[in-house]
Amino acid sequence: MGPDPVRAEALGRSFAGVPVLAGVDLVVRAGDAVVLLGPNGAGKTTLLRILALLARPTTGRLALFGADAATAPPALRRRIGYVGHESLCYPDLTATENLEFYARLFAVPDADARVRDLIVWAGLEAAARRPVRVYSRGMSQRLALARALLHEPELLLLDEPFTGLDAAGVVALQERLATLRLAGHALVLTTHDLERAAPVATRVAVLHRGKIVWAHDGPPEPVVVAAAYQAVVTGRA
């Protein structure tokens, strides 16, 4: 076994002197699927952006696959996939053109076949030649997920990945995430909808005021997690 995909120690991040993360410890191993819960402003998006090498922590240490994130080589980014609140797809390009562009960036082997497969997986065959700017919210989300999956990242980071997806899209994503986890990929996702994330989760953690205040190992029971969330975030059992 190689080094853990994520090993964070006392991560902190402040903006204009205001702490957003206040000492986060997190270890994510190969085959883990960690679901992060927390109220708006808890620091979930900031934490994911740091793990995706899109932001730097103010304090603490982060190692990804054993490499110090502060001096991470560019090749490390090829091992990471990320979906944030923005699709990171070019609006004036088509879905196919966007995926072909990212395939070149990541040197994806057999790129044409990979792009076709993900267009089908995302249910975008009929819209594959339309510019992304005319896509609905759900279509844009499915394309963003396809983009993140394109290079088969070993660490997949997803910020509210179920947003905008219909029932079929939710099932397709759950199945893909379960397959990746069983193949040894590491997953970290934030969500406000534990029931949709629960089928693939191996651990649940609650982030509150910039810290992980509660965690549970093993497949989560939504009722138990909801009770714990109420207790630690709202102060009501």
C-alpha atoms as a PDB file:
ATOM      1  CA  MET A   1       0.000   0.000   0.000  1.00  0.00           C
ATOM      2  CA  GLY A   2       1.258   3.483  -0.853  1.00  0.00           C
ATOM      3  CA  PRO A   3       0.945   6.641   1.223  1.00  0.00           C
ATOM      4  CA  ASP A   4      -2.548   7.786   2.175  1.00  0.00           C
ATOM      5  CA  PRO A   5      -4.203  10.003  -0.447  1.00  0.00           C
ATOM      6  CA  VAL A   6      -4.919  12.643   2.224  1.00  0.00           C
ATOM      7  CA  ARG A   7      -3.218  13.323   5.528  1.00  0.00           C
ATOM      8  CA  ALA A   8      -4.108  16.712   6.990  1.00  0.00           C
ATOM      9  CA  GLU A   9      -2.832  17.889  10.351  1.00  0.00           C
ATOM     10  CA  ALA A  10      -4.196  20.973  12.139  1.00  0.00           C
ATOM     11  CA  LEU A  11      -5.205  22.692   8.892  1.00  0.00           C
ATOM     12  CA  GLY A  12      -6.225  26.295   9.357  1.00  0.00           C
ATOM     13  CA  ARG A  13      -7.323  28.941   6.902  1.00  0.00           C
ATOM     14  CA  SER A  14      -8.211  32.575   7.530  1.00  0.00           C
ATOM     15  CA  PHE A  15      -9.606  35.273   5.277  1.00  0.00           C
ATOM     16  CA  ALA A  16      -8.890  38.872   6.269  1.00  0.00           C
ATOM     17  CA  GLY A  17      -8.037  37.629   9.742  1.00  0.00           C
ATOM     18  CA  VAL A  18     -11.287  35.683  10.113  1.00  0.00           C
ATOM     19  CA  PRO A  19     -10.709  31.934  10.652  1.00  0.00           C
ATOM     20  CA  VAL A  20     -12.675  29.639   8.336  1.00  0.00           C
ATOM     21  CA  LEU A  21     -10.798  26.451   9.205  1.00  0.00           C
ATOM     22  CA  ALA A  22      -9.500  26.169  12.760  1.00  0.00           C
ATOM     23  CA  GLY A  23      -7.405  23.023  13.049  1.00  0.00           C
ATOM     24  CA  VAL A  24      -8.754  20.213  10.857  1.00  0.00           C
ATOM     25  CA  ASP A  25      -7.241  16.738  11.183  1.00  0.00           C
ATOM     26  CA  LEU A  26      -8.283  14.355   8.420  1.00  0.00           C
ATOM     27  CA  VAL A  27      -6.912  11.105   7.036  1.00  0.00           C
ATOM     28  CA  VAL A  28      -8.407   9.617   3.872  1.00  0.00           C
ATOM     29  CA  ARG A  29      -7.135   6.209   2.795  1.00  0.00           C
ATOM     30  CA  ALA A  30      -7.466   4.414  -0.510  1.00  0.00           C
ATOM     31  CA  GLY A  31     -10.999   3.064  -0.783  1.00  0.00           C
ATOM     32  CA  ASP A  32     -12.442   5.566   1.692  1.00  0.00           C
ATOM     33  CA  ALA A  33     -15.530   7.612   0.874  1.00  0.00           C
ATOM     34  CA  VAL A  34     -15.713  10.431   3.410  1.00  0.00           C
ATOM     35  CA  VAL A  35     -18.887  12.514   3.550  1.00  0.00           C
ATOM     36  CA  LEU A  36     -18.551  15.972   5.118  1.00  0.00           C
ATOM     37  CA  LEU A  37     -21.651  17.518   6.632  1.00  0.00           C
ATOM     38  CA  GLY A  38     -22.019  20.953   8.150  1.00  0.00           C
ATOM     39  CA  PRO A  39     -24.009  24.180   8.029  1.00  0.00           C
ATOM     40  CA  ASN A  40     -23.285  26.913   5.508  1.00  0.00           C
ATOM     41  CA  GLY A  41     -20.070  28.682   6.461  1.00  0.00           C
ATOM     42  CA  ALA A  42     -18.650  25.679   8.309  1.00  0.00           C
ATOM     43  CA  GLY A  43     -15.601  25.583   6.015  1.00  0.00           C
ATOM     44  CA  LYS A  44     -16.508  22.582   3.835  1.00  0.00           C
ATOM     45  CA  THR A  45     -15.829  24.270   0.491  1.00  0.00           C
ATOM     46  CA  THR A  46     -12.612  25.852   1.770  1.00  0.00           C
ATOM     47  CA  LEU A  47     -11.374  22.457   2.958  1.00  0.00           C
ATOM     48  CA  LEU A  48     -12.106  20.835  -0.400  1.00  0.00           C
ATOM     49  CA  ARG A  49     -10.370  23.656  -2.272  1.00  0.00           C
ATOM     50  CA  ILE A  50      -7.269  23.157  -0.113  1.00  0.00           C
ATOM     51  CA  LEU A  51      -7.324  19.408  -0.767  1.00  0.00           C
ATOM     52  CA  ALA A  52      -7.678  20.165  -4.501  1.00  0.00           C
ATOM     53  CA  LEU A  53      -4.582  22.410  -4.368  1.00  0.00           C
ATOM     54  CA  LEU A  54      -6.693  25.427  -5.335  1.00  0.00           C
ATOM     55  CA  ALA A  55      -6.027  27.210  -2.039  1.00  0.00           C
ATOM     56  CA  ARG A  56      -3.294  27.088   0.557  1.00  0.00           C
ATOM     57  CA  PRO A  57      -3.806  26.573   4.265  1.00  0.00           C
ATOM     58  CA  THR A  58      -2.747  29.394   6.568  1.00  0.00           C
ATOM     59  CA  THR A  59      -1.526  26.932   9.186  1.00  0.00           C
ATOM     60  CA  GLY A  60      -1.023  23.196   9.507  1.00  0.00           C
ATOM     61  CA  ARG A  61       0.332  20.581   7.158  1.00  0.00           C
ATOM     62  CA  LEU A  62      -1.177  18.706   4.237  1.00  0.00           C
ATOM     63  CA  ALA A  63       0.290  15.666   2.491  1.00  0.00           C
ATOM     64  CA  LEU A  64      -1.320  14.179  -0.623  1.00  0.00           C
ATOM     65  CA  PHE A  65      -0.117  10.713  -1.594  1.00  0.00           C
ATOM     66  CA  GLY A  66       2.844  11.350   0.707  1.00  0.00           C
ATOM     67  CA  ALA A  67       3.886  14.599  -1.015  1.00  0.00           C
ATOM     68  CA  ASP A  68       3.923  17.881   0.886  1.00  0.00           C
ATOM     69  CA  ALA A  69       1.127  19.942  -0.685  1.00  0.00           C
ATOM     70  CA  ALA A  70       3.099  23.147  -0.093  1.00  0.00           C
ATOM     71  CA  THR A  71       5.705  22.037  -2.630  1.00  0.00           C
ATOM     72  CA  ALA A  72       3.580  19.646  -4.657  1.00  0.00           C
ATOM     73  CA  PRO A  73       4.854  18.873  -8.166  1.00  0.00           C
ATOM     74  CA  PRO A  74       2.436  19.641 -11.036  1.00  0.00           C
ATOM     75  CA  ALA A  75       2.054  15.915 -11.721  1.00  0.00           C
ATOM     76  CA  LEU A  76       0.263  15.560  -8.371  1.00  0.00           C
ATOM     77  CA  ARG A  77      -2.733  17.442  -9.786  1.00  0.00           C
ATOM     78  CA  ARG A  78      -3.252  14.653 -12.328  1.00  0.00           C
ATOM     79  CA  ARG A  79      -4.139  12.340  -9.464  1.00  0.00           C
ATOM     80  CA  ILE A  80      -6.953  14.619  -8.257  1.00  0.00           C
ATOM     81  CA  GLY A  81     -10.452  15.269  -9.620  1.00  0.00           C
ATOM     82  CA  TYR A  82     -12.561  18.149  -8.342  1.00  0.00           C
ATOM     83  CA  VAL A  83     -16.118  19.410  -8.761  1.00  0.00           C
ATOM     84  CA  GLY A  84     -16.928  22.689  -7.057  1.00  0.00           C
ATOM     85  CA  HIS A  85     -19.798  25.142  -7.276  1.00  0.00           C
ATOM     86  CA  GLU A  86     -18.657  26.160 -10.760  1.00  0.00           C
ATOM     87  CA  SER A  87     -18.529  23.584 -13.548  1.00  0.00           C
ATOM     88  CA  LEU A  88     -15.068  24.693 -14.777  1.00  0.00           C
ATOM     89  CA  CYS A  89     -16.344  24.020 -18.297  1.00  0.00           C
ATOM     90  CA  TYR A  90     -16.084  26.634 -21.041  1.00  0.00           C
ATOM     91  CA  PRO A  91     -19.580  27.957 -21.866  1.00  0.00           C
ATOM     92  CA  ASP A  92     -18.931  28.587 -25.559  1.00  0.00           C
ATOM     93  CA  LEU A  93     -17.578  25.087 -26.154  1.00  0.00           C
ATOM     94  CA  THR A  94     -19.745  22.020 -26.500  1.00  0.00           C
ATOM     95  CA  ALA A  95     -19.739  19.187 -24.001  1.00  0.00           C
ATOM     96  CA  THR A  96     -17.623  17.095 -26.354  1.00  0.00           C
ATOM     97  CA  GLU A  97     -15.155  19.944 -26.941  1.00  0.00           C
ATOM     98  CA  ASN A  98     -14.824  20.560 -23.204  1.00  0.00           C
ATOM     99  CA  LEU A  99     -14.063  16.933 -22.471  1.00  0.00           C
ATOM    100  CA  GLU A 100     -11.663  16.684 -25.412  1.00  0.00           C
ATOM    101  CA  PHE A 101      -9.823  19.751 -24.103  1.00  0.00           C
ATOM    102  CA  TYR A 102      -9.470  18.310 -20.605  1.00  0.00           C
ATOM    103  CA  ALA A 103      -8.476  14.946 -22.052  1.00  0.00           C
ATOM    104  CA  ARG A 104      -5.515  16.645 -23.745  1.00  0.00           C
ATOM    105  CA  LEU A 105      -4.576  18.463 -20.530  1.00  0.00           C
ATOM    106  CA  PHE A 106      -4.502  15.191 -18.604  1.00  0.00           C
ATOM    107  CA  ALA A 107      -3.041  13.110 -21.442  1.00  0.00           C
ATOM    108  CA  VAL A 108      -5.952  10.667 -21.205  1.00  0.00           C
ATOM    109  CA  PRO A 109      -5.237   7.497 -23.199  1.00  0.00           C
ATOM    110  CA  ASP A 110      -7.785   6.506 -25.850  1.00  0.00           C
ATOM    111  CA  ALA A 111      -9.365   9.919 -25.268  1.00  0.00           C
ATOM    112  CA  ASP A 112     -12.040   9.692 -27.977  1.00  0.00           C
ATOM    113  CA  ALA A 113     -13.537   6.531 -26.509  1.00  0.00           C
ATOM    114  CA  ARG A 114     -13.296   7.884 -22.976  1.00  0.00           C
ATOM    115  CA  VAL A 115     -15.093  11.094 -23.966  1.00  0.00           C
ATOM    116  CA  ARG A 116     -17.840   9.163 -25.745  1.00  0.00           C
ATOM    117  CA  ASP A 117     -18.354   6.860 -22.766  1.00  0.00           C
ATOM    118  CA  LEU A 118     -18.687   9.759 -20.334  1.00  0.00           C
ATOM    119  CA  ILE A 119     -21.040  11.689 -22.612  1.00  0.00           C
ATOM    120  CA  VAL A 120     -23.298   8.624 -22.584  1.00  0.00           C
ATOM    121  CA  TRP A 121     -22.887   8.159 -18.824  1.00  0.00           C
ATOM    122  CA  ALA A 122     -23.881  11.807 -18.274  1.00  0.00           C
ATOM    123  CA  GLY A 123     -26.931  11.410 -20.508  1.00  0.00           C
ATOM    124  CA  LEU A 124     -25.776  14.208 -22.786  1.00  0.00           C
ATOM    125  CA  GLU A 125     -25.747  12.430 -26.146  1.00  0.00           C
ATOM    126  CA  ALA A 126     -28.495  14.620 -27.615  1.00  0.00           C
ATOM    127  CA  ALA A 127     -26.822  17.808 -26.376  1.00  0.00           C
ATOM    128  CA  ALA A 128     -23.183  16.859 -26.921  1.00  0.00           C
ATOM    129  CA  ARG A 129     -22.751  19.326 -29.811  1.00  0.00           C
ATOM    130  CA  ARG A 130     -24.549  22.238 -28.167  1.00  0.00           C
ATOM    131  CA  PRO A 131     -22.636  25.025 -26.384  1.00  0.00           C
ATOM    132  CA  VAL A 132     -22.602  24.593 -22.630  1.00  0.00           C
ATOM    133  CA  ARG A 133     -24.059  28.073 -22.088  1.00  0.00           C
ATOM    134  CA  VAL A 134     -27.503  26.759 -23.135  1.00  0.00           C
ATOM    135  CA  TYR A 135     -27.401  23.848 -20.667  1.00  0.00           C
ATOM    136  CA  SER A 136     -29.741  23.568 -17.700  1.00  0.00           C
ATOM    137  CA  ARG A 137     -28.326  23.412 -14.167  1.00  0.00           C
ATOM    138  CA  GLY A 138     -28.645  19.631 -14.128  1.00  0.00           C
ATOM    139  CA  MET A 139     -26.943  19.207 -17.503  1.00  0.00           C
ATOM    140  CA  SER A 140     -24.066  21.451 -16.426  1.00  0.00           C
ATOM    141  CA  GLN A 141     -23.664  19.430 -13.232  1.00  0.00           C
ATOM    142  CA  ARG A 142     -23.548  16.142 -15.139  1.00  0.00           C
ATOM    143  CA  LEU A 143     -20.916  17.567 -17.470  1.00  0.00           C
ATOM    144  CA  ALA A 144     -18.854  18.819 -14.522  1.00  0.00           C
ATOM    145  CA  LEU A 145     -18.942  15.344 -13.017  1.00  0.00           C
ATOM    146  CA  ALA A 146     -17.897  13.810 -16.334  1.00  0.00           C
ATOM    147  CA  ARG A 147     -14.995  16.290 -16.512  1.00  0.00           C
ATOM    148  CA  ALA A 148     -13.810  15.322 -13.033  1.00  0.00           C
ATOM    149  CA  LEU A 149     -14.049  11.604 -13.800  1.00  0.00           C
ATOM    150  CA  LEU A 150     -12.361  11.863 -17.193  1.00  0.00           C
ATOM    151  CA  HIS A 151      -8.807  11.059 -16.097  1.00  0.00           C
ATOM    152  CA  GLU A 152      -9.864   8.475 -13.465  1.00  0.00           C
ATOM    153  CA  PRO A 153      -8.404  10.402 -10.506  1.00  0.00           C
ATOM    154  CA  GLU A 154      -7.169   8.508  -7.488  1.00  0.00           C
ATOM    155  CA  LEU A 155      -8.597  11.237  -5.224  1.00  0.00           C
ATOM    156  CA  LEU A 156     -12.031  12.607  -6.152  1.00  0.00           C
ATOM    157  CA  LEU A 157     -13.297  15.732  -4.351  1.00  0.00           C
ATOM    158  CA  LEU A 158     -16.956  16.647  -4.812  1.00  0.00           C
ATOM    159  CA  ASP A 159     -18.698  19.735  -3.399  1.00  0.00           C
ATOM    160  CA  GLU A 160     -22.485  19.100  -3.289  1.00  0.00           C
ATOM    161  CA  PRO A 161     -22.318  16.687  -6.257  1.00  0.00           C
ATOM    162  CA  PHE A 162     -26.036  15.772  -6.193  1.00  0.00           C
ATOM    163  CA  THR A 163     -27.177  19.363  -6.760  1.00  0.00           C
ATOM    164  CA  GLY A 164     -29.357  19.665  -9.850  1.00  0.00           C
ATOM    165  CA  LEU A 165     -29.446  15.928 -10.585  1.00  0.00           C
ATOM    166  CA  ASP A 166     -32.695  14.112 -11.257  1.00  0.00           C
ATOM    167  CA  ALA A 167     -33.403  10.665  -9.813  1.00  0.00           C
ATOM    168  CA  ALA A 168     -31.652   8.870 -12.682  1.00  0.00           C
ATOM    169  CA  GLY A 169     -28.624  11.138 -12.373  1.00  0.00           C
ATOM    170  CA  VAL A 170     -28.402  10.482  -8.632  1.00  0.00           C
ATOM    171  CA  VAL A 171     -28.431   6.714  -9.161  1.00  0.00           C
ATOM    172  CA  ALA A 172     -25.833   6.937 -11.941  1.00  0.00           C
ATOM    173  CA  LEU A 173     -23.524   8.973  -9.693  1.00  0.00           C
ATOM    174  CA  GLN A 174     -24.021   6.674  -6.715  1.00  0.00           C
ATOM    175  CA  GLU A 175     -23.148   3.663  -8.841  1.00  0.00           C
ATOM    176  CA  ARG A 176     -20.057   5.326 -10.316  1.00  0.00           C
ATOM    177  CA  LEU A 177     -18.798   6.429  -6.894  1.00  0.00           C
ATOM    178  CA  ALA A 178     -19.347   2.963  -5.431  1.00  0.00           C
ATOM    179  CA  THR A 179     -17.382   1.426  -8.309  1.00  0.00           C
ATOM    180  CA  LEU A 180     -14.510   3.878  -7.825  1.00  0.00           C
ATOM    181  CA  ARG A 181     -14.384   3.255  -4.087  1.00  0.00           C
ATOM    182  CA  LEU A 182     -14.304  -0.510  -4.545  1.00  0.00           C
ATOM    183  CA  ALA A 183     -11.448  -0.061  -7.026  1.00  0.00           C
ATOM    184  CA  GLY A 184      -9.425   1.738  -4.345  1.00  0.00           C
ATOM    185  CA  HIS A 185     -10.026   5.365  -5.272  1.00  0.00           C
ATOM    186  CA  ALA A 186     -10.442   7.839  -2.399  1.00  0.00           C
ATOM    187  CA  LEU A 187     -13.514  10.072  -2.266  1.00  0.00           C
ATOM    188  CA  VAL A 188     -14.341  13.159  -0.220  1.00  0.00           C
ATOM    189  CA  LEU A 189     -17.688  14.840  -0.745  1.00  0.00           C
ATOM    190  CA  THR A 190     -19.756  17.506   0.939  1.00  0.00           C
ATOM    191  CA  THR A 191     -23.521  17.367   0.947  1.00  0.00           C
ATOM    192  CA  HIS A 192     -26.656  18.562   2.674  1.00  0.00           C
ATOM    193  CA  ASP A 193     -28.386  15.357   1.567  1.00  0.00           C
ATOM    194  CA  LEU A 194     -26.968  12.449   3.547  1.00  0.00           C
ATOM    195  CA  GLU A 195     -29.564   9.997   2.223  1.00  0.00           C
ATOM    196  CA  ARG A 196     -28.142  10.358  -1.292  1.00  0.00           C
ATOM    197  CA  ALA A 197     -24.530  10.058  -0.113  1.00  0.00           C
ATOM    198  CA  ALA A 198     -25.069   7.310   2.452  1.00  0.00           C
ATOM    199  CA  PRO A 199     -25.024   4.364  -0.008  1.00  0.00           C
ATOM    200  CA  VAL A 200     -21.368   5.025  -0.895  1.00  0.00           C
ATOM    201  CA  ALA A 201     -20.057   6.465   2.396  1.00  0.00           C
ATOM    202  CA  THR A 202     -17.528   4.669   4.561  1.00  0.00           C
ATOM    203  CA  ARG A 203     -17.228   7.566   7.026  1.00  0.00           C
ATOM    204  CA  VAL A 204     -19.230  10.663   7.951  1.00  0.00           C
ATOM    205  CA  ALA A 205     -17.766  13.751   9.602  1.00  0.00           C
ATOM    206  CA  VAL A 206     -19.469  16.943  10.759  1.00  0.00           C
ATOM    207  CA  LEU A 207     -17.588  20.190  10.217  1.00  0.00           C
ATOM    208  CA  HIS A 208     -18.678  23.077  12.432  1.00  0.00           C
ATOM    209  CA  ARG A 209     -16.991  26.431  12.957  1.00  0.00           C
ATOM    210  CA  GLY A 210     -13.956  25.235  11.069  1.00  0.00           C
ATOM    211  CA  LYS A 211     -13.404  22.028  13.018  1.00  0.00           C
ATOM    212  CA  ILE A 212     -14.431  18.388  12.710  1.00  0.00           C
ATOM    213  CA  VAL A 213     -16.638  18.039  15.786  1.00  0.00           C
ATOM    214  CA  TRP A 214     -18.086  14.558  15.207  1.00  0.00           C
ATOM    215  CA  ALA A 215     -17.212  11.543  13.080  1.00  0.00           C
ATOM    216  CA  HIS A 216     -18.545   8.059  12.492  1.00  0.00           C
ATOM    217  CA  ASP A 217     -16.702   5.175  10.838  1.00  0.00           C
ATOM    218  CA  GLY A 218     -18.655   2.661   8.809  1.00  0.00           C
ATOM    219  CA  PRO A 219     -21.795   2.921   6.675  1.00  0.00           C
ATOM    220  CA  PRO A 220     -23.920   5.719   8.182  1.00  0.00           C
ATOM    221  CA  GLU A 221     -27.443   5.385   9.499  1.00  0.00           C
ATOM    222  CA  PRO A 222     -29.101   8.687   8.504  1.00  0.00           C
ATOM    223  CA  VAL A 223     -31.277   8.836  11.643  1.00  0.00           C
ATOM    224  CA  VAL A 224     -28.258   8.438  13.931  1.00  0.00           C
ATOM    225  CA  VAL A 225     -26.227  10.989  11.971  1.00  0.00           C
ATOM    226  CA  ALA A 226     -29.120  13.468  11.980  1.00  0.00           C
ATOM    227  CA  ALA A 227     -29.397  13.201  15.763  1.00  0.00           C
ATOM    228  CA  ALA A 228     -25.651  13.721  16.186  1.00  0.00           C
ATOM    229  CA  TYR A 229     -25.761  16.679  13.798  1.00  0.00           C
ATOM    230  CA  GLN A 230     -28.518  18.311  15.807  1.00  0.00           C
ATOM    231  CA  ALA A 231     -26.623  17.755  19.036  1.00  0.00           C
ATOM    232  CA  VAL A 232     -23.258  19.133  17.970  1.00  0.00           C
ATOM    233  CA  VAL A 233     -24.280  21.885  15.529  1.00  0.00           C
ATOM    234  CA  THR A 234     -27.487  23.283  16.995  1.00  0.00           C
ATOM    235  CA  GLY A 235     -26.881  22.194  20.585  1.00  0.00           C
ATOM    236  CA  ARG A 236     -30.196  20.317  20.642  1.00  0.00           C
ATOM    237  CA  ALA A 237     -30.234  16.556  21.075  1.00  0.00           C
END
